Amino acid sequence: MQWWQNIPLFLIVCPLMCAVICSVLKGRAARGLMAALSVLVTAGMAAVLLCSLRAGESYVYPMGEIGAPFGNELRVGITEGLVGLAFALVILLSVIGGWKKLSEDVPANKTHLYAAMVCLLTSAMSAMTFTNDLFTAYVFIEISTIAACALISSTNHGRTIYGATRYMLMNLLGSGLFLLGVSTLYCLTGHLLFPQIEESVKALLQSGAYRTPLYLSFVLMTLGIAIKSALYPFHTWLPNAYASTTVTSSALLSSLISKMYIFLLIKIFFRSAGAQVFTGGIGDFLFVFAVVGIVMGSVDAIREHHLSRMVAYSSVAQIGYIFLGVSLGTEAGMAAALFHILAHSAAKSMLFLSSGKLRQVSDEGDGFRDVRGAGFRAPLAGAAFTVGAFSLVGVPLLGGFASKAYLANAGIALGGWHMIALLAALAVSTLLNVMYMLRTVLTLYRPMSDEAAQKSPLRRDACFSVAVAVLIALNVALGLFGGEIMAVIHRGIALFA
């Protein structure tokens, strides 16, 4: 085993250790350790991706040198490296972009605990990216749920407590369903590692034994992930959770949490179930919910009159796009879903970070009347919001346009009623995206009233400027170099299953 193949384990264990250390440090030192860890994890993920590209193959890392079927495993390849790097960048840029606001929103006596929760979330991200077994996946699902709930409630406002409570209740329901599915699958197969599960599932399907409980186990796990990812209509907890907390937490949760769970579901489908699971109706089940979510998430966003809640509701539609690609059950659909994970993560974190600055120059007002003309008072935040909004709409040369194009191509390749429904959903949702995103951008640049003109302009924030500049560059790069990135994704998929 080469030295770099130990990096994924380090990226799981090191954040766990840093979380413990942060819990006993003072606030400023804990924040510094959190930032240093974010840089280290990003560098580690980049190293994993580059080494995997050079090696041209995936590998299995047995924990404690205990092999299958008794031990736990990590599996590392191009896909894991690319997704892990995207997640790590989101964490790093969210921490940097919200650095100044974080000290204002989080009480001083909670700063060290906030840093500890970010470290736990980082560890959970790495574990779910690399794990090759369901037991480890479930453990870190619960760790991420606890960390996310703490991040939401960190500001001590009544609305954040309400949002965190709803988040916890719905996510506990999702965790329960997922655990029930895992338990059922374990009873049927006797395994928790993905390769051994896949062998047992193929044998059961060929024999015809326990077909109903087998499909039921995957349905339960899918439902659990759908609830935790806020797939429509299981999204009711999302607006209160994302829109009421500090901007760093909003950027992390909207860009990272849901995507982690969906990437785990992709691994479950393609590594433990195989294409057979989509012939049992699960693919059609997900497809219908994804199409409805794409449309209804946009409709809910149109109805909103508050900036943060509108951005939060738009996430429901974007989650639908990712599930739409997964539900096709094809390599093209999976590749489109992975690309949309990258595009949405880059755009959504930028939208929440910039929304925080736009509210700040509007005397913390969040209504559209309050943020009128905010783009003039905070030029960089206004530009970043505009780029993120245009990306989600699907304006050419941005990541969202390339993502929708790849989803359309995947639907056309599949053909049949799936193609018609997918293209119709993309067309309708794009029109709806234009309606609420263009309205918001125009509001930000409408001529200021006398009252708005008296509001103080944004004070200089170097950390925010660096973070959103990088995010703008990422959104543009995803649009300009989408073909090259998609080629890397297809190389990874060839080694993924």
Protein backbone atom coordinates (compact mmCIF):
# COMPACT_ATOMS: atom_id res chain seq x y z
CA MET A 1 0.00 0.00 0.00
CA GLN A 2 1.32 3.43 -0.95
CA TRP A 3 1.57 6.26 1.55
CA TRP A 4 -1.19 8.39 0.01
CA GLN A 5 -3.71 5.58 0.41
CA ASN A 6 -3.74 6.29 4.15
CA ILE A 7 -5.01 9.86 3.62
CA PRO A 8 -8.76 9.01 3.64
CA LEU A 9 -8.51 7.43 7.09
CA PHE A 10 -6.61 10.49 8.29
CA LEU A 11 -9.38 12.73 6.89
CA ILE A 12 -11.91 10.91 9.09
CA VAL A 13 -9.92 10.55 12.30
CA CYS A 14 -8.19 13.94 12.36
CA PRO A 15 -11.45 15.98 12.39
CA LEU A 16 -12.76 13.78 15.20
CA MET A 17 -9.66 14.53 17.26
CA CYS A 18 -9.90 18.23 16.43
CA ALA A 19 -13.53 18.25 17.60
CA VAL A 20 -12.42 16.97 20.99
CA ILE A 21 -9.61 19.52 21.19
CA CYS A 22 -11.89 22.41 20.13
CA SER A 23 -14.33 21.57 22.92
CA VAL A 24 -11.71 22.45 25.56
CA LEU A 25 -10.07 25.42 23.82
CA LYS A 26 -11.04 29.06 24.11
CA GLY A 27 -13.19 30.51 21.37
CA ARG A 28 -10.53 32.21 19.25
CA ALA A 29 -8.14 29.26 19.39
CA ALA A 30 -10.97 26.85 18.54
CA ARG A 31 -11.94 28.91 15.50
CA GLY A 32 -8.33 28.94 14.35
CA LEU A 33 -8.09 25.17 14.67
CA MET A 34 -11.39 24.79 12.76
CA ALA A 35 -10.05 26.94 9.91
CA ALA A 36 -6.71 25.12 9.83
CA LEU A 37 -8.51 21.78 9.71
CA SER A 38 -10.67 22.97 6.79
CA VAL A 39 -7.54 23.88 4.84
CA LEU A 40 -5.90 20.56 5.71
CA VAL A 41 -8.93 18.48 4.69
CA THR A 42 -9.25 20.37 1.39
CA ALA A 43 -5.59 19.72 0.64
CA GLY A 44 -6.02 16.06 1.59
CA MET A 45 -9.03 15.63 -0.68
CA ALA A 46 -7.15 17.27 -3.54
CA ALA A 47 -4.26 14.85 -2.98
CA VAL A 48 -6.64 11.87 -3.00
CA LEU A 49 -8.20 13.02 -6.29
CA LEU A 50 -4.87 13.68 -8.00
CA CYS A 51 -3.36 10.38 -6.86
CA SER A 52 -6.50 8.47 -7.89
CA LEU A 53 -6.41 10.08 -11.33
CA ARG A 54 -2.76 9.13 -11.69
CA ALA A 55 -3.32 5.56 -10.46
CA GLY A 56 -6.38 5.10 -12.69
CA GLU A 57 -8.02 2.63 -10.31
CA SER A 58 -9.88 2.49 -7.02
CA TYR A 59 -8.71 0.64 -3.94
CA VAL A 60 -10.11 -0.76 -0.69
CA TYR A 61 -8.66 0.22 2.68
CA PRO A 62 -9.47 -2.42 5.34
CA MET A 63 -9.80 -0.80 8.77
CA GLY A 64 -7.37 -2.36 11.22
CA GLU A 65 -6.27 -4.74 8.45
CA ILE A 66 -9.36 -6.83 9.14
CA GLY A 67 -10.74 -7.85 5.78
CA ALA A 68 -14.21 -8.68 4.55
CA PRO A 69 -16.67 -9.85 5.64
CA PHE A 70 -15.93 -9.03 9.30
CA GLY A 71 -14.14 -5.69 9.16
CA ASN A 72 -15.06 -2.18 8.08
CA GLU A 73 -13.73 -0.81 4.82
CA LEU A 74 -13.08 2.40 3.01
CA ARG A 75 -13.21 2.48 -0.77
CA VAL A 76 -11.40 5.27 -2.56
CA GLY A 77 -11.38 6.26 -6.21
CA ILE A 78 -11.79 9.16 -8.60
CA THR A 79 -15.48 9.74 -7.83
CA GLU A 80 -14.90 9.81 -4.08
CA GLY A 81 -11.94 12.15 -4.48
CA LEU A 82 -13.87 14.58 -6.70
CA VAL A 83 -16.98 14.67 -4.50
CA GLY A 84 -14.88 14.86 -1.34
CA LEU A 85 -12.90 17.79 -2.73
CA ALA A 86 -16.11 19.64 -3.61
CA PHE A 87 -17.50 19.09 -0.11
CA ALA A 88 -14.24 20.14 1.55
CA LEU A 89 -14.10 23.32 -0.54
CA VAL A 90 -17.65 24.18 0.54
CA ILE A 91 -16.69 23.78 4.19
CA LEU A 92 -13.54 25.87 3.78
CA LEU A 93 -15.20 28.69 1.83
CA SER A 94 -18.25 28.75 4.11
CA VAL A 95 -16.00 29.08 7.16
CA ILE A 96 -13.91 31.80 5.52
CA GLY A 97 -16.87 33.68 4.01
CA GLY A 98 -18.78 33.81 7.27
CA TRP A 99 -15.74 34.37 9.50
CA LYS A 100 -16.60 37.92 10.54
CA LYS A 101 -20.34 37.35 10.85
CA LEU A 102 -19.77 34.23 12.90
CA SER A 103 -18.17 36.22 15.72
CA GLU A 104 -21.24 38.48 15.78
CA ASP A 105 -23.94 35.79 15.62
CA VAL A 106 -22.54 33.06 17.87
CA PRO A 107 -22.18 33.89 21.59
CA ALA A 108 -18.58 33.95 22.80
CA ASN A 109 -19.22 31.12 25.27
CA LYS A 110 -20.40 28.88 22.40
CA THR A 111 -17.73 29.59 19.82
CA HIS A 112 -15.55 26.65 20.80
CA LEU A 113 -18.54 24.31 20.66
CA TYR A 114 -19.50 25.67 17.25
CA ALA A 115 -15.99 24.92 16.00
CA ALA A 116 -16.24 21.40 17.45
CA MET A 117 -19.49 20.79 15.55
CA VAL A 118 -17.94 21.94 12.27
CA CYS A 119 -15.10 19.48 12.88
CA LEU A 120 -17.61 16.69 13.54
CA LEU A 121 -19.46 17.57 10.36
CA THR A 122 -16.18 17.46 8.44
CA SER A 123 -15.44 14.00 9.81
CA ALA A 124 -18.93 12.79 8.88
CA MET A 125 -18.48 14.17 5.37
CA SER A 126 -15.23 12.28 4.89
CA ALA A 127 -16.63 9.07 6.34
CA MET A 128 -19.77 9.05 4.18
CA THR A 129 -17.68 9.87 1.12
CA PHE A 130 -15.27 6.97 1.59
CA THR A 131 -17.17 4.32 3.58
CA ASN A 132 -17.81 0.96 1.97
CA ASP A 133 -20.20 -0.42 4.59
CA LEU A 134 -23.64 0.43 5.92
CA PHE A 135 -22.75 0.32 9.61
CA THR A 136 -20.16 3.09 9.37
CA ALA A 137 -22.53 5.04 7.14
CA TYR A 138 -25.32 4.93 9.72
CA VAL A 139 -23.02 5.95 12.57
CA PHE A 140 -21.83 9.03 10.74
CA ILE A 141 -25.35 9.87 9.55
CA GLU A 142 -26.24 10.28 13.21
CA ILE A 143 -23.07 12.27 13.92
CA SER A 144 -23.89 14.65 11.07
CA THR A 145 -27.49 15.01 12.30
CA ILE A 146 -26.35 16.00 15.80
CA ALA A 147 -23.72 18.39 14.45
CA ALA A 148 -26.15 20.03 12.02
CA CYS A 149 -28.78 20.50 14.71
CA ALA A 150 -26.22 22.18 16.96
CA LEU A 151 -25.07 24.46 14.12
CA ILE A 152 -28.65 25.56 13.45
CA SER A 153 -29.39 26.42 17.09
CA SER A 154 -26.07 28.17 17.73
CA THR A 155 -27.38 31.75 17.52
CA ASN A 156 -29.74 31.48 20.52
CA HIS A 157 -32.73 33.06 18.76
CA GLY A 158 -36.20 31.64 19.27
CA ARG A 159 -36.66 30.99 15.56
CA THR A 160 -33.40 29.02 15.40
CA ILE A 161 -34.50 26.81 18.30
CA TYR A 162 -37.78 26.20 16.46
CA GLY A 163 -35.93 25.43 13.24
CA ALA A 164 -33.48 23.12 14.99
CA THR A 165 -36.30 21.25 16.72
CA ARG A 166 -38.15 20.64 13.46
CA TYR A 167 -34.89 19.62 11.83
CA MET A 168 -34.14 17.13 14.59
CA LEU A 169 -37.63 15.57 14.59
CA MET A 170 -37.76 15.07 10.82
CA ASN A 171 -34.19 13.82 10.63
CA LEU A 172 -34.75 11.36 13.45
CA LEU A 173 -37.68 10.00 11.48
CA GLY A 174 -35.43 9.67 8.44
CA SER A 175 -32.71 7.99 10.50
CA GLY A 176 -35.23 5.53 11.93
CA LEU A 177 -36.46 4.52 8.49
CA PHE A 178 -32.91 4.19 7.21
CA LEU A 179 -31.91 2.01 10.19
CA LEU A 180 -34.99 -0.16 9.70
CA GLY A 181 -33.99 -0.66 6.07
CA VAL A 182 -30.41 -1.50 7.02
CA SER A 183 -31.62 -4.01 9.64
CA THR A 184 -33.94 -5.69 7.15
CA LEU A 185 -31.22 -5.91 4.53
CA TYR A 186 -28.78 -7.32 7.09
CA CYS A 187 -31.28 -10.00 8.13
CA LEU A 188 -31.70 -11.02 4.48
CA THR A 189 -28.06 -10.96 3.41
CA GLY A 190 -26.03 -11.31 6.62
CA HIS A 191 -23.63 -8.61 5.44
CA LEU A 192 -22.99 -4.89 5.90
CA LEU A 193 -20.15 -4.38 3.40
CA PHE A 194 -21.34 -3.26 -0.03
CA PRO A 195 -19.57 -5.93 -2.18
CA GLN A 196 -20.87 -8.81 -0.05
CA ILE A 197 -24.37 -7.29 0.04
CA GLU A 198 -24.35 -7.06 -3.75
CA GLU A 199 -23.45 -10.75 -4.11
CA SER A 200 -26.22 -11.78 -1.72
CA VAL A 201 -28.78 -9.49 -3.38
CA LYS A 202 -28.00 -10.97 -6.81
CA ALA A 203 -28.38 -14.49 -5.41
CA LEU A 204 -31.72 -13.64 -3.77
CA LEU A 205 -33.08 -12.05 -6.94
CA GLN A 206 -32.02 -15.01 -9.06
CA SER A 207 -33.68 -17.47 -6.67
CA GLY A 208 -36.77 -15.31 -6.24
CA ALA A 209 -36.63 -15.72 -2.45
CA TYR A 210 -37.59 -12.83 -0.14
CA ARG A 211 -38.08 -10.49 -3.10
CA THR A 212 -40.68 -8.33 -1.32
CA PRO A 213 -38.74 -7.72 1.92
CA LEU A 214 -35.59 -7.16 -0.15
CA TYR A 215 -37.17 -4.35 -2.14
CA LEU A 216 -38.79 -3.07 1.04
CA SER A 217 -35.36 -2.66 2.67
CA PHE A 218 -34.20 -0.43 -0.19
CA VAL A 219 -37.46 1.52 -0.14
CA LEU A 220 -37.04 2.20 3.59
CA MET A 221 -33.45 3.38 3.14
CA THR A 222 -34.49 5.55 0.20
CA LEU A 223 -37.33 7.11 2.20
CA GLY A 224 -34.97 7.80 5.09
CA ILE A 225 -32.48 9.57 2.83
CA ALA A 226 -35.28 11.43 1.04
CA ILE A 227 -36.52 12.88 4.34
CA LYS A 228 -33.04 13.83 5.48
CA SER A 229 -32.28 15.39 2.07
CA ALA A 230 -35.54 17.40 2.00
CA LEU A 231 -36.94 15.79 -1.14
CA TYR A 232 -40.47 17.12 -1.73
CA PRO A 233 -42.86 16.63 0.13
CA PHE A 234 -40.51 15.85 3.04
CA HIS A 235 -39.04 19.36 2.93
CA THR A 236 -41.13 21.22 5.50
CA TRP A 237 -38.27 21.45 8.00
CA LEU A 238 -35.86 23.04 5.51
CA PRO A 239 -36.87 26.74 5.25
CA ASN A 240 -36.91 27.32 9.02
CA ALA A 241 -33.61 25.50 9.48
CA TYR A 242 -31.66 27.15 6.66
CA ALA A 243 -33.09 30.68 6.85
CA SER A 244 -32.94 31.28 10.60
CA THR A 245 -29.34 30.48 11.50
CA THR A 246 -25.99 32.17 10.87
CA VAL A 247 -24.74 32.40 7.28
CA THR A 248 -21.93 29.88 7.79
CA SER A 249 -24.38 27.27 9.04
CA SER A 250 -26.82 28.01 6.20
CA ALA A 251 -24.06 27.68 3.60
CA LEU A 252 -22.82 24.43 5.13
CA LEU A 253 -26.23 22.84 5.54
CA SER A 254 -27.63 23.78 2.12
CA SER A 255 -24.51 22.84 0.17
CA LEU A 256 -23.24 19.86 2.13
CA ILE A 257 -25.67 17.95 4.33
CA SER A 258 -28.25 16.90 1.73
CA LYS A 259 -25.57 16.10 -0.85
CA MET A 260 -23.71 13.85 1.59
CA TYR A 261 -26.82 11.75 2.10
CA ILE A 262 -27.60 11.58 -1.62
CA PHE A 263 -24.06 10.49 -2.45
CA LEU A 264 -24.42 7.74 0.15
CA LEU A 265 -27.69 6.67 -1.48
CA ILE A 266 -25.93 6.54 -4.85
CA LYS A 267 -23.34 4.18 -3.35
CA ILE A 268 -26.07 2.00 -1.85
CA PHE A 269 -27.88 1.75 -5.18
CA PHE A 270 -24.91 1.13 -7.44
CA ARG A 271 -22.65 -0.87 -5.11
CA SER A 272 -24.99 -3.01 -3.03
CA ALA A 273 -28.15 -3.26 -5.14
CA GLY A 274 -27.04 -2.85 -8.72
CA ALA A 275 -29.26 -1.95 -11.64
CA GLN A 276 -31.82 -4.57 -10.51
CA VAL A 277 -33.17 -2.24 -7.84
CA PHE A 278 -34.45 0.17 -10.50
CA THR A 279 -36.42 -2.58 -12.25
CA GLY A 280 -38.37 -3.12 -9.03
CA GLY A 281 -40.09 0.27 -9.19
CA ILE A 282 -37.78 2.27 -6.93
CA GLY A 283 -36.46 4.25 -9.87
CA ASP A 284 -39.96 5.25 -11.00
CA PHE A 285 -40.90 6.06 -7.40
CA LEU A 286 -37.94 8.44 -7.09
CA PHE A 287 -38.52 9.88 -10.56
CA VAL A 288 -42.08 10.97 -9.78
CA PHE A 289 -41.13 12.56 -6.46
CA ALA A 290 -38.17 14.32 -8.08
CA VAL A 291 -40.30 15.81 -10.87
CA VAL A 292 -42.92 17.02 -8.41
CA GLY A 293 -40.20 18.44 -6.16
CA ILE A 294 -38.56 20.32 -9.03
CA VAL A 295 -41.82 22.10 -9.85
CA MET A 296 -43.30 22.57 -6.38
CA GLY A 297 -40.02 23.71 -4.82
CA SER A 298 -39.91 26.50 -7.39
CA VAL A 299 -43.58 27.36 -6.79
CA ASP A 300 -42.93 27.68 -3.05
CA ALA A 301 -39.93 29.92 -3.77
CA ILE A 302 -42.10 32.18 -5.94
CA ARG A 303 -44.57 32.59 -3.08
CA GLU A 304 -41.88 33.74 -0.66
CA HIS A 305 -41.30 37.40 0.14
CA HIS A 306 -38.19 36.96 2.27
CA LEU A 307 -34.73 36.61 0.77
CA SER A 308 -33.35 33.81 2.96
CA ARG A 309 -36.50 31.68 2.81
CA MET A 310 -36.68 32.08 -0.95
CA VAL A 311 -33.10 30.83 -1.28
CA ALA A 312 -33.93 27.96 1.08
CA TYR A 313 -37.01 26.91 -0.91
CA SER A 314 -34.98 26.94 -4.11
CA SER A 315 -32.89 24.15 -2.56
CA VAL A 316 -35.96 21.89 -2.64
CA ALA A 317 -36.12 22.20 -6.43
CA GLN A 318 -32.36 21.66 -6.79
CA ILE A 319 -32.51 18.52 -4.64
CA GLY A 320 -35.16 17.31 -7.06
CA TYR A 321 -32.72 17.71 -9.97
CA ILE A 322 -30.18 15.46 -8.24
CA PHE A 323 -32.75 12.78 -7.42
CA LEU A 324 -34.00 13.03 -11.00
CA GLY A 325 -30.60 12.00 -12.32
CA VAL A 326 -30.25 9.18 -9.78
CA SER A 327 -33.74 7.83 -10.52
CA LEU A 328 -32.89 7.14 -14.17
CA GLY A 329 -30.66 4.26 -13.06
CA THR A 330 -28.19 4.82 -15.91
CA GLU A 331 -24.56 5.87 -16.05
CA ALA A 332 -25.52 9.10 -17.79
CA GLY A 333 -28.12 9.89 -15.13
CA MET A 334 -25.68 9.17 -12.31
CA ALA A 335 -23.02 11.36 -13.95
CA ALA A 336 -25.54 14.21 -14.37
CA ALA A 337 -26.57 13.88 -10.71
CA LEU A 338 -22.95 14.04 -9.56
CA PHE A 339 -22.31 17.09 -11.74
CA HIS A 340 -25.37 18.82 -10.30
CA ILE A 341 -24.07 18.10 -6.79
CA LEU A 342 -20.93 20.04 -7.72
CA ALA A 343 -22.82 22.88 -9.42
CA HIS A 344 -25.43 23.29 -6.71
CA SER A 345 -22.88 23.18 -3.89
CA ALA A 346 -20.86 25.97 -5.50
CA ALA A 347 -23.91 28.14 -6.20
CA LYS A 348 -25.91 27.61 -3.02
CA SER A 349 -23.11 28.33 -0.57
CA MET A 350 -22.44 31.58 -2.45
CA LEU A 351 -26.12 32.54 -2.35
CA PHE A 352 -26.36 32.15 1.41
CA LEU A 353 -23.06 33.91 2.10
CA SER A 354 -24.04 36.86 -0.10
CA SER A 355 -27.57 36.92 1.36
CA GLY A 356 -26.04 37.49 4.77
CA LYS A 357 -24.16 40.55 3.55
CA LEU A 358 -27.21 41.89 1.70
CA ARG A 359 -29.25 41.65 4.90
CA GLN A 360 -26.45 43.27 6.84
CA VAL A 361 -26.57 46.43 4.71
CA SER A 362 -30.37 46.43 4.99
CA ASP A 363 -30.39 46.79 8.79
CA GLU A 364 -30.81 42.99 9.06
CA GLY A 365 -34.12 43.19 7.21
CA ASP A 366 -34.88 40.07 5.18
CA GLY A 367 -37.99 41.11 3.25
CA PHE A 368 -37.75 42.12 -0.38
CA ARG A 369 -38.68 45.68 0.61
CA ASP A 370 -35.76 45.74 3.03
CA VAL A 371 -33.14 44.53 0.54
CA ARG A 372 -34.21 46.86 -2.25
CA GLY A 373 -31.08 48.46 -3.65
CA ALA A 374 -28.83 46.28 -1.46
CA GLY A 375 -26.77 45.37 -4.53
CA PHE A 376 -25.54 48.97 -4.67
CA ARG A 377 -24.67 49.06 -0.95
CA ALA A 378 -22.83 45.73 -1.12
CA PRO A 379 -21.53 45.44 -4.72
CA LEU A 380 -19.56 42.21 -4.35
CA ALA A 381 -22.38 40.48 -2.47
CA GLY A 382 -24.85 41.62 -5.11
CA ALA A 383 -22.62 40.34 -7.92
CA ALA A 384 -22.11 37.00 -6.16
CA PHE A 385 -25.84 36.58 -5.60
CA THR A 386 -26.50 37.39 -9.25
CA VAL A 387 -23.98 34.81 -10.48
CA GLY A 388 -25.37 32.15 -8.14
CA ALA A 389 -28.95 32.93 -9.16
CA PHE A 390 -28.11 32.84 -12.87
CA SER A 391 -26.31 29.53 -12.39
CA LEU A 392 -29.37 27.92 -10.79
CA VAL A 393 -31.59 29.34 -13.54
CA GLY A 394 -29.31 27.80 -16.19
CA VAL A 395 -27.70 30.78 -17.88
CA PRO A 396 -25.02 29.62 -20.36
CA LEU A 397 -21.34 29.63 -19.30
CA LEU A 398 -22.31 28.79 -15.69
CA GLY A 399 -22.40 25.45 -13.90
CA GLY A 400 -26.19 25.23 -13.66
CA PHE A 401 -26.58 25.41 -17.43
CA ALA A 402 -24.17 22.54 -18.01
CA SER A 403 -25.89 20.52 -15.29
CA LYS A 404 -29.34 20.90 -16.83
CA ALA A 405 -27.92 20.06 -20.26
CA TYR A 406 -26.44 16.80 -18.94
CA LEU A 407 -29.74 15.90 -17.25
CA ALA A 408 -31.58 16.53 -20.52
CA ASN A 409 -29.10 14.35 -22.44
CA ALA A 410 -29.52 11.55 -19.89
CA GLY A 411 -33.30 11.68 -20.30
CA ILE A 412 -33.08 11.70 -24.10
CA ALA A 413 -30.74 8.69 -24.03
CA LEU A 414 -33.24 6.76 -21.88
CA GLY A 415 -36.21 7.66 -24.08
CA GLY A 416 -39.85 6.76 -23.45
CA TRP A 417 -42.13 8.55 -21.02
CA HIS A 418 -39.15 9.32 -18.76
CA MET A 419 -37.70 11.52 -21.48
CA ILE A 420 -40.94 13.43 -22.02
CA ALA A 421 -41.55 13.99 -18.31
CA LEU A 422 -37.93 14.97 -17.65
CA LEU A 423 -37.73 17.50 -20.48
CA ALA A 424 -41.10 18.97 -19.51
CA ALA A 425 -40.01 19.28 -15.86
CA LEU A 426 -36.74 20.96 -16.87
CA ALA A 427 -38.57 23.44 -19.11
CA VAL A 428 -41.24 24.32 -16.54
CA SER A 429 -38.80 24.56 -13.65
CA THR A 430 -36.42 26.76 -15.64
CA LEU A 431 -39.26 29.16 -16.37
CA LEU A 432 -40.19 29.19 -12.67
CA ASN A 433 -36.51 29.67 -11.71
CA VAL A 434 -36.41 32.75 -13.93
CA MET A 435 -39.53 34.15 -12.26
CA TYR A 436 -38.27 34.12 -8.66
CA MET A 437 -34.54 34.54 -9.22
CA LEU A 438 -34.89 37.39 -11.73
CA ARG A 439 -37.38 39.11 -9.45
CA THR A 440 -34.89 38.93 -6.60
CA VAL A 441 -31.95 40.19 -8.66
CA LEU A 442 -34.03 43.08 -9.99
CA THR A 443 -35.06 43.95 -6.43
CA LEU A 444 -31.42 44.09 -5.36
CA TYR A 445 -30.70 46.59 -8.12
CA ARG A 446 -33.89 48.63 -8.08
CA PRO A 447 -33.36 52.36 -7.47
CA MET A 448 -33.10 52.98 -3.76
CA SER A 449 -35.72 54.86 -1.85
CA ASP A 450 -34.66 57.76 0.35
CA GLU A 451 -34.87 55.54 3.41
CA ALA A 452 -32.76 52.80 1.81
CA ALA A 453 -30.17 55.30 0.63
CA GLN A 454 -29.56 56.32 4.24
CA LYS A 455 -28.63 52.76 5.24
CA SER A 456 -24.93 52.34 5.86
CA PRO A 457 -22.85 50.64 3.14
CA LEU A 458 -21.07 47.39 3.83
CA ARG A 459 -17.82 47.62 5.69
CA ARG A 460 -14.85 45.88 4.14
CA ASP A 461 -14.60 42.15 4.83
CA ALA A 462 -11.52 40.59 3.24
CA CYS A 463 -12.46 37.01 4.20
CA PHE A 464 -15.88 37.30 2.59
CA SER A 465 -14.37 38.87 -0.53
CA VAL A 466 -11.88 36.01 -0.97
CA ALA A 467 -14.51 33.32 -0.40
CA VAL A 468 -17.09 34.66 -2.85
CA ALA A 469 -14.43 35.44 -5.45
CA VAL A 470 -13.37 31.78 -5.38
CA LEU A 471 -17.01 30.63 -5.51
CA ILE A 472 -17.72 32.89 -8.50
CA ALA A 473 -14.68 31.40 -10.25
CA LEU A 474 -15.91 27.87 -9.44
CA ASN A 475 -19.34 28.54 -10.92
CA VAL A 476 -17.80 29.92 -14.09
CA ALA A 477 -15.26 27.06 -14.29
CA LEU A 478 -18.05 24.47 -14.00
CA GLY A 479 -19.74 26.10 -16.96
CA LEU A 480 -16.67 26.62 -19.15
CA PHE A 481 -14.96 23.30 -18.39
CA GLY A 482 -18.04 21.17 -17.86
CA GLY A 483 -16.96 18.70 -20.54
CA GLU A 484 -13.59 18.08 -18.91
CA ILE A 485 -15.17 17.70 -15.47
CA MET A 486 -17.79 15.32 -16.85
CA ALA A 487 -15.00 13.25 -18.43
CA VAL A 488 -13.43 12.90 -14.98
CA ILE A 489 -16.83 11.91 -13.54
CA HIS A 490 -17.26 9.20 -16.20
CA ARG A 491 -13.75 7.90 -15.47
CA GLY A 492 -14.72 7.66 -11.83
CA ILE A 493 -18.04 5.91 -12.55
CA ALA A 494 -16.19 3.25 -14.53
CA LEU A 495 -14.35 2.37 -11.30
CA PHE A 496 -17.28 3.10 -8.96
CA ALA A 497 -19.59 0.11 -9.04
